[in-house]
Amino acid sequence: MSEQEPTFTIPHRPQRRYPRSGGVTYEGETIFRLSPDADREEAQLADLVEGVLAGDAYTFGDWFDLPAPVYLVHDDELDTTFTAVVRNGSVELHVLPDTSSEGLAALYRRLAAASETDWSVACESSPS
């Protein structure tokens, strides 16, 4: 693991909207892209994420029929929720309106410890 942990300060939070037609939409987004220094196949990354999420700290599900693994993650210890997506050789952590920075950092630390490799973290954000 690298010596200095990246910051998971959330620059913009998405705004949850409930259209009259039903459902829920989000305006704006913040994504933290975690990329391992060692190349990993998508299936290997998905297995790593699922292995970490199967620990005691999380409740999670992959209920979507999408071309990439998408997990709705709840950190039981920190009482925070976010979405994790495995695609393009990275793990994306998608911030929800009430996601805590501490919850994102905790998953990062667990992934780094479980993989025994360094990770780079990039943040992409667009306001609502």
N, C-alpha and C. Protein backbone atom coordinates (compact mmCIF):
# COMPACT_ATOMS: atom_id res chain seq x y z
N MET A 1 0.84 -1.17 0.00
CA MET A 1 0.00 0.00 0.00
C MET A 1 0.89 1.23 0.00
N SER A 2 0.44 2.31 -0.64
CA SER A 2 1.25 3.51 -0.70
C SER A 2 1.32 4.18 0.67
N GLU A 3 2.35 5.01 0.84
CA GLU A 3 2.58 5.64 2.13
C GLU A 3 1.52 6.67 2.48
N GLN A 4 1.04 7.42 1.51
CA GLN A 4 0.07 8.46 1.77
C GLN A 4 -1.28 8.07 1.20
N GLU A 5 -2.29 8.01 2.07
CA GLU A 5 -3.63 7.66 1.62
C GLU A 5 -4.25 8.86 0.90
N PRO A 6 -4.93 8.61 -0.22
CA PRO A 6 -5.57 9.71 -0.94
C PRO A 6 -6.73 10.29 -0.13
N THR A 7 -7.07 11.50 -0.45
CA THR A 7 -8.21 12.13 0.20
C THR A 7 -9.49 11.76 -0.53
N PHE A 8 -10.54 11.63 0.20
CA PHE A 8 -11.84 11.33 -0.39
C PHE A 8 -12.82 12.46 -0.08
N THR A 9 -12.32 13.68 -0.12
CA THR A 9 -13.17 14.85 0.07
C THR A 9 -14.12 14.94 -1.12
N ILE A 10 -15.39 15.09 -0.84
CA ILE A 10 -16.42 15.09 -1.87
C ILE A 10 -16.69 16.53 -2.31
N PRO A 11 -16.26 16.91 -3.53
CA PRO A 11 -16.42 18.30 -3.97
C PRO A 11 -17.86 18.71 -4.28
N HIS A 12 -18.65 17.80 -4.82
CA HIS A 12 -20.05 18.08 -5.16
C HIS A 12 -20.87 16.83 -4.87
N ARG A 13 -22.01 17.03 -4.27
CA ARG A 13 -22.92 15.91 -4.00
C ARG A 13 -24.06 15.94 -5.03
N PRO A 14 -24.44 14.78 -5.52
CA PRO A 14 -25.57 14.77 -6.45
C PRO A 14 -26.85 15.16 -5.70
N GLN A 15 -27.77 15.73 -6.43
CA GLN A 15 -29.08 16.09 -5.87
C GLN A 15 -30.10 15.05 -6.33
N ARG A 16 -30.80 14.48 -5.38
CA ARG A 16 -31.81 13.47 -5.67
C ARG A 16 -33.11 14.18 -6.06
N ARG A 17 -33.70 13.74 -7.17
CA ARG A 17 -34.97 14.29 -7.64
C ARG A 17 -35.96 13.14 -7.83
N TYR A 18 -37.23 13.44 -7.56
CA TYR A 18 -38.29 12.46 -7.73
C TYR A 18 -39.28 13.00 -8.76
N PRO A 19 -39.10 12.62 -10.03
CA PRO A 19 -40.00 13.14 -11.08
C PRO A 19 -41.44 12.67 -10.87
N ARG A 20 -42.35 13.46 -11.37
CA ARG A 20 -43.78 13.10 -11.26
C ARG A 20 -44.07 11.76 -11.92
N SER A 21 -43.29 11.42 -12.94
CA SER A 21 -43.51 10.17 -13.66
C SER A 21 -43.06 8.95 -12.85
N GLY A 22 -42.41 9.19 -11.72
CA GLY A 22 -41.97 8.10 -10.86
C GLY A 22 -40.47 7.89 -10.91
N GLY A 23 -40.00 7.08 -10.01
CA GLY A 23 -38.58 6.75 -9.95
C GLY A 23 -37.77 7.83 -9.26
N VAL A 24 -36.48 7.75 -9.43
CA VAL A 24 -35.56 8.72 -8.84
C VAL A 24 -34.47 9.02 -9.86
N THR A 25 -34.06 10.27 -9.93
CA THR A 25 -32.95 10.66 -10.78
C THR A 25 -31.96 11.47 -9.94
N TYR A 26 -30.74 11.58 -10.44
CA TYR A 26 -29.72 12.36 -9.76
C TYR A 26 -29.19 13.42 -10.70
N GLU A 27 -29.01 14.62 -10.18
CA GLU A 27 -28.41 15.71 -10.94
C GLU A 27 -27.03 15.98 -10.35
N GLY A 28 -26.01 15.97 -11.22
CA GLY A 28 -24.64 16.11 -10.77
C GLY A 28 -24.09 14.76 -10.33
N GLU A 29 -22.75 14.70 -10.23
CA GLU A 29 -22.14 13.45 -9.79
C GLU A 29 -20.71 13.67 -9.33
N THR A 30 -20.29 12.77 -8.46
CA THR A 30 -18.88 12.68 -8.07
C THR A 30 -18.52 11.21 -8.09
N ILE A 31 -17.43 10.90 -8.79
CA ILE A 31 -16.94 9.53 -8.91
C ILE A 31 -15.48 9.50 -8.51
N PHE A 32 -15.13 8.56 -7.64
CA PHE A 32 -13.73 8.30 -7.33
C PHE A 32 -13.34 7.05 -8.08
N ARG A 33 -12.34 7.17 -8.95
CA ARG A 33 -11.87 6.05 -9.76
C ARG A 33 -10.61 5.48 -9.13
N LEU A 34 -10.70 4.24 -8.66
CA LEU A 34 -9.57 3.55 -8.03
C LEU A 34 -8.96 2.60 -9.06
N SER A 35 -7.70 2.82 -9.38
CA SER A 35 -7.03 2.00 -10.39
C SER A 35 -5.82 1.33 -9.77
N PRO A 36 -5.78 -0.02 -9.83
CA PRO A 36 -4.61 -0.71 -9.27
C PRO A 36 -3.38 -0.48 -10.16
N ASP A 37 -2.22 -0.37 -9.51
CA ASP A 37 -0.98 -0.19 -10.28
C ASP A 37 -0.67 -1.43 -11.12
N ALA A 38 -1.05 -2.59 -10.64
CA ALA A 38 -0.86 -3.83 -11.40
C ALA A 38 -2.11 -4.07 -12.24
N ASP A 39 -1.93 -4.38 -13.53
CA ASP A 39 -3.07 -4.65 -14.40
C ASP A 39 -3.87 -5.84 -13.87
N ARG A 40 -5.17 -5.68 -13.87
CA ARG A 40 -6.09 -6.74 -13.43
C ARG A 40 -7.19 -6.89 -14.47
N GLU A 41 -7.58 -8.11 -14.69
CA GLU A 41 -8.75 -8.37 -15.55
C GLU A 41 -10.00 -7.90 -14.80
N GLU A 42 -11.03 -7.55 -15.55
CA GLU A 42 -12.28 -7.10 -14.92
C GLU A 42 -12.83 -8.14 -13.96
N ALA A 43 -12.77 -9.41 -14.35
CA ALA A 43 -13.27 -10.48 -13.47
C ALA A 43 -12.47 -10.54 -12.18
N GLN A 44 -11.16 -10.32 -12.25
CA GLN A 44 -10.33 -10.31 -11.04
C GLN A 44 -10.71 -9.15 -10.13
N LEU A 45 -10.94 -7.98 -10.72
CA LEU A 45 -11.35 -6.83 -9.92
C LEU A 45 -12.73 -7.07 -9.29
N ALA A 46 -13.64 -7.63 -10.05
CA ALA A 46 -14.97 -7.92 -9.51
C ALA A 46 -14.87 -8.92 -8.36
N ASP A 47 -14.04 -9.94 -8.50
CA ASP A 47 -13.84 -10.90 -7.41
C ASP A 47 -13.24 -10.23 -6.18
N LEU A 48 -12.27 -9.33 -6.39
CA LEU A 48 -11.66 -8.60 -5.28
C LEU A 48 -12.71 -7.75 -4.56
N VAL A 49 -13.49 -6.99 -5.32
CA VAL A 49 -14.52 -6.14 -4.72
C VAL A 49 -15.53 -6.99 -3.96
N GLU A 50 -16.01 -8.07 -4.56
CA GLU A 50 -16.98 -8.93 -3.89
C GLU A 50 -16.39 -9.56 -2.63
N GLY A 51 -15.12 -9.95 -2.68
CA GLY A 51 -14.47 -10.53 -1.51
C GLY A 51 -14.41 -9.54 -0.35
N VAL A 52 -14.06 -8.29 -0.66
CA VAL A 52 -14.01 -7.26 0.39
C VAL A 52 -15.41 -6.95 0.90
N LEU A 53 -16.38 -6.83 0.00
CA LEU A 53 -17.74 -6.51 0.41
C LEU A 53 -18.38 -7.63 1.21
N ALA A 54 -17.91 -8.85 1.04
CA ALA A 54 -18.46 -9.99 1.78
C ALA A 54 -18.05 -9.97 3.25
N GLY A 55 -17.13 -9.07 3.63
CA GLY A 55 -16.70 -8.96 5.02
C GLY A 55 -17.82 -8.44 5.91
N ASP A 56 -17.53 -8.37 7.20
CA ASP A 56 -18.54 -8.00 8.19
C ASP A 56 -19.03 -6.55 8.09
N ALA A 57 -18.27 -5.67 7.46
CA ALA A 57 -18.60 -4.25 7.48
C ALA A 57 -19.69 -3.86 6.48
N TYR A 58 -20.01 -4.72 5.53
CA TYR A 58 -20.87 -4.29 4.43
C TYR A 58 -22.11 -5.15 4.23
N THR A 59 -23.14 -4.47 3.73
CA THR A 59 -24.30 -5.12 3.13
C THR A 59 -24.27 -4.64 1.69
N PHE A 60 -24.39 -5.55 0.73
CA PHE A 60 -24.30 -5.13 -0.67
C PHE A 60 -25.14 -6.03 -1.54
N GLY A 61 -25.39 -5.56 -2.74
CA GLY A 61 -26.12 -6.36 -3.71
C GLY A 61 -25.74 -5.95 -5.12
N ASP A 62 -25.82 -6.90 -6.02
CA ASP A 62 -25.61 -6.67 -7.45
C ASP A 62 -26.93 -7.08 -8.11
N TRP A 63 -27.90 -6.17 -8.07
CA TRP A 63 -29.24 -6.51 -8.52
C TRP A 63 -29.53 -6.07 -9.95
N PHE A 64 -28.53 -5.51 -10.60
CA PHE A 64 -28.75 -4.93 -11.91
C PHE A 64 -28.25 -5.85 -13.01
N ASP A 65 -28.98 -5.91 -14.11
CA ASP A 65 -28.56 -6.69 -15.26
C ASP A 65 -27.86 -5.73 -16.23
N LEU A 66 -26.60 -5.44 -15.93
CA LEU A 66 -25.83 -4.49 -16.71
C LEU A 66 -24.56 -5.16 -17.22
N PRO A 67 -23.92 -4.58 -18.22
CA PRO A 67 -22.71 -5.21 -18.77
C PRO A 67 -21.50 -5.14 -17.84
N ALA A 68 -21.54 -4.33 -16.78
CA ALA A 68 -20.45 -4.25 -15.81
C ALA A 68 -21.01 -4.55 -14.43
N PRO A 69 -20.20 -5.13 -13.54
CA PRO A 69 -20.68 -5.36 -12.17
C PRO A 69 -20.96 -4.02 -11.47
N VAL A 70 -22.18 -3.86 -10.96
CA VAL A 70 -22.61 -2.67 -10.24
C VAL A 70 -23.14 -3.11 -8.89
N TYR A 71 -22.59 -2.52 -7.82
CA TYR A 71 -22.99 -2.91 -6.46
C TYR A 71 -23.52 -1.70 -5.70
N LEU A 72 -24.67 -1.84 -5.09
CA LEU A 72 -25.14 -0.86 -4.13
C LEU A 72 -24.56 -1.30 -2.80
N VAL A 73 -23.73 -0.44 -2.19
CA VAL A 73 -22.95 -0.79 -1.01
C VAL A 73 -23.41 0.02 0.18
N HIS A 74 -23.67 -0.66 1.30
CA HIS A 74 -23.95 0.03 2.56
C HIS A 74 -22.87 -0.38 3.55
N ASP A 75 -22.12 0.61 4.06
CA ASP A 75 -21.12 0.38 5.09
C ASP A 75 -21.86 0.39 6.42
N ASP A 76 -22.02 -0.78 7.02
CA ASP A 76 -22.80 -0.90 8.25
C ASP A 76 -22.14 -0.18 9.42
N GLU A 77 -20.82 -0.18 9.49
CA GLU A 77 -20.10 0.46 10.60
C GLU A 77 -20.22 1.98 10.54
N LEU A 78 -20.15 2.54 9.34
CA LEU A 78 -20.17 4.00 9.18
C LEU A 78 -21.53 4.53 8.74
N ASP A 79 -22.49 3.63 8.53
CA ASP A 79 -23.85 3.98 8.13
C ASP A 79 -23.86 4.93 6.93
N THR A 80 -23.22 4.48 5.85
CA THR A 80 -23.19 5.26 4.63
C THR A 80 -23.38 4.35 3.44
N THR A 81 -23.89 4.91 2.34
CA THR A 81 -24.21 4.13 1.16
C THR A 81 -23.62 4.80 -0.08
N PHE A 82 -23.16 3.97 -1.01
CA PHE A 82 -22.64 4.45 -2.29
C PHE A 82 -22.72 3.31 -3.28
N THR A 83 -22.40 3.59 -4.53
CA THR A 83 -22.41 2.58 -5.57
C THR A 83 -20.97 2.30 -6.00
N ALA A 84 -20.65 1.03 -6.20
CA ALA A 84 -19.34 0.62 -6.72
C ALA A 84 -19.55 -0.06 -8.06
N VAL A 85 -18.75 0.34 -9.04
CA VAL A 85 -18.84 -0.21 -10.39
C VAL A 85 -17.45 -0.66 -10.81
N VAL A 86 -17.34 -1.86 -11.40
CA VAL A 86 -16.07 -2.36 -11.91
C VAL A 86 -16.13 -2.26 -13.43
N ARG A 87 -15.23 -1.43 -14.00
CA ARG A 87 -15.17 -1.32 -15.46
C ARG A 87 -13.87 -0.63 -15.87
N ASN A 88 -13.43 -0.98 -17.07
CA ASN A 88 -12.23 -0.39 -17.66
C ASN A 88 -11.00 -0.50 -16.75
N GLY A 89 -10.86 -1.61 -16.06
CA GLY A 89 -9.69 -1.85 -15.22
C GLY A 89 -9.65 -1.06 -13.94
N SER A 90 -10.79 -0.48 -13.54
CA SER A 90 -10.86 0.33 -12.33
C SER A 90 -12.09 -0.01 -11.52
N VAL A 91 -12.08 0.45 -10.27
CA VAL A 91 -13.25 0.37 -9.41
C VAL A 91 -13.72 1.81 -9.22
N GLU A 92 -14.95 2.08 -9.63
CA GLU A 92 -15.51 3.42 -9.50
C GLU A 92 -16.42 3.45 -8.27
N LEU A 93 -16.22 4.45 -7.43
CA LEU A 93 -17.09 4.67 -6.28
C LEU A 93 -17.94 5.90 -6.59
N HIS A 94 -19.23 5.68 -6.76
CA HIS A 94 -20.16 6.75 -7.12
C HIS A 94 -20.83 7.27 -5.84
N VAL A 95 -20.67 8.57 -5.61
CA VAL A 95 -21.20 9.21 -4.42
C VAL A 95 -22.71 9.40 -4.56
N LEU A 96 -23.43 9.10 -3.48
CA LEU A 96 -24.85 9.40 -3.37
C LEU A 96 -25.01 10.62 -2.47
N PRO A 97 -26.18 11.22 -2.39
CA PRO A 97 -26.32 12.46 -1.61
C PRO A 97 -25.83 12.38 -0.16
N ASP A 98 -25.96 11.23 0.48
CA ASP A 98 -25.58 11.11 1.89
C ASP A 98 -24.31 10.30 2.12
N THR A 99 -23.54 10.03 1.08
CA THR A 99 -22.31 9.25 1.21
C THR A 99 -21.29 10.01 2.06
N SER A 100 -20.62 9.29 2.96
CA SER A 100 -19.56 9.92 3.76
C SER A 100 -18.19 9.63 3.14
N SER A 101 -17.31 10.60 3.23
CA SER A 101 -15.93 10.43 2.76
C SER A 101 -15.26 9.28 3.50
N GLU A 102 -15.56 9.12 4.78
CA GLU A 102 -14.96 8.06 5.58
C GLU A 102 -15.31 6.68 5.05
N GLY A 103 -16.53 6.52 4.55
CA GLY A 103 -16.95 5.24 3.99
C GLY A 103 -16.18 4.89 2.72
N LEU A 104 -15.94 5.89 1.88
CA LEU A 104 -15.17 5.67 0.66
C LEU A 104 -13.73 5.31 1.01
N ALA A 105 -13.15 6.03 1.96
CA ALA A 105 -11.77 5.77 2.38
C ALA A 105 -11.65 4.38 3.00
N ALA A 106 -12.65 3.95 3.74
CA ALA A 106 -12.61 2.62 4.37
C ALA A 106 -12.59 1.52 3.31
N LEU A 107 -13.42 1.65 2.28
CA LEU A 107 -13.41 0.64 1.21
C LEU A 107 -12.07 0.67 0.48
N TYR A 108 -11.54 1.84 0.21
CA TYR A 108 -10.22 1.96 -0.44
C TYR A 108 -9.17 1.19 0.38
N ARG A 109 -9.12 1.43 1.69
CA ARG A 109 -8.12 0.77 2.54
C ARG A 109 -8.28 -0.75 2.50
N ARG A 110 -9.52 -1.23 2.52
CA ARG A 110 -9.75 -2.67 2.49
C ARG A 110 -9.35 -3.28 1.14
N LEU A 111 -9.67 -2.59 0.05
CA LEU A 111 -9.27 -3.08 -1.27
C LEU A 111 -7.74 -3.12 -1.39
N ALA A 112 -7.07 -2.06 -0.93
CA ALA A 112 -5.61 -1.99 -1.01
C ALA A 112 -4.98 -3.10 -0.17
N ALA A 113 -5.51 -3.35 1.01
CA ALA A 113 -4.96 -4.40 1.87
C ALA A 113 -5.20 -5.78 1.28
N ALA A 114 -6.36 -5.99 0.68
CA ALA A 114 -6.70 -7.30 0.12
C ALA A 114 -5.94 -7.59 -1.16
N SER A 115 -5.52 -6.55 -1.87
CA SER A 115 -4.88 -6.76 -3.17
C SER A 115 -3.36 -6.70 -3.09
N GLU A 116 -2.82 -6.16 -2.02
CA GLU A 116 -1.37 -6.03 -1.83
C GLU A 116 -0.71 -5.33 -3.01
N THR A 117 -1.36 -4.30 -3.53
CA THR A 117 -0.79 -3.46 -4.59
C THR A 117 -1.13 -2.01 -4.29
N ASP A 118 -0.40 -1.11 -4.88
CA ASP A 118 -0.73 0.31 -4.76
C ASP A 118 -1.88 0.64 -5.70
N TRP A 119 -2.62 1.66 -5.34
CA TRP A 119 -3.75 2.12 -6.14
C TRP A 119 -3.62 3.62 -6.36
N SER A 120 -4.01 4.07 -7.53
CA SER A 120 -4.12 5.52 -7.75
C SER A 120 -5.61 5.87 -7.69
N VAL A 121 -5.88 7.08 -7.25
CA VAL A 121 -7.26 7.52 -7.09
C VAL A 121 -7.43 8.85 -7.80
N ALA A 122 -8.43 8.91 -8.65
CA ALA A 122 -8.78 10.15 -9.36
C ALA A 122 -10.23 10.47 -9.05
N CYS A 123 -10.51 11.75 -8.92
CA CYS A 123 -11.87 12.20 -8.65
C CYS A 123 -12.39 12.97 -9.84
N GLU A 124 -13.59 12.61 -10.28
CA GLU A 124 -14.29 13.33 -11.35
C GLU A 124 -15.59 13.85 -10.75
N SER A 125 -15.88 15.12 -10.97
CA SER A 125 -17.06 15.69 -10.35
C SER A 125 -17.69 16.73 -11.26
N SER A 126 -19.00 16.74 -11.27
CA SER A 126 -19.74 17.79 -11.97
C SER A 126 -20.90 18.20 -11.08
N PRO A 127 -21.05 19.50 -10.85
CA PRO A 127 -22.14 19.97 -9.98
C PRO A 127 -23.49 19.77 -10.65
N SER A 128 -24.52 19.81 -9.82
CA SER A 128 -25.88 19.65 -10.34
C SER A 128 -26.33 20.90 -11.04
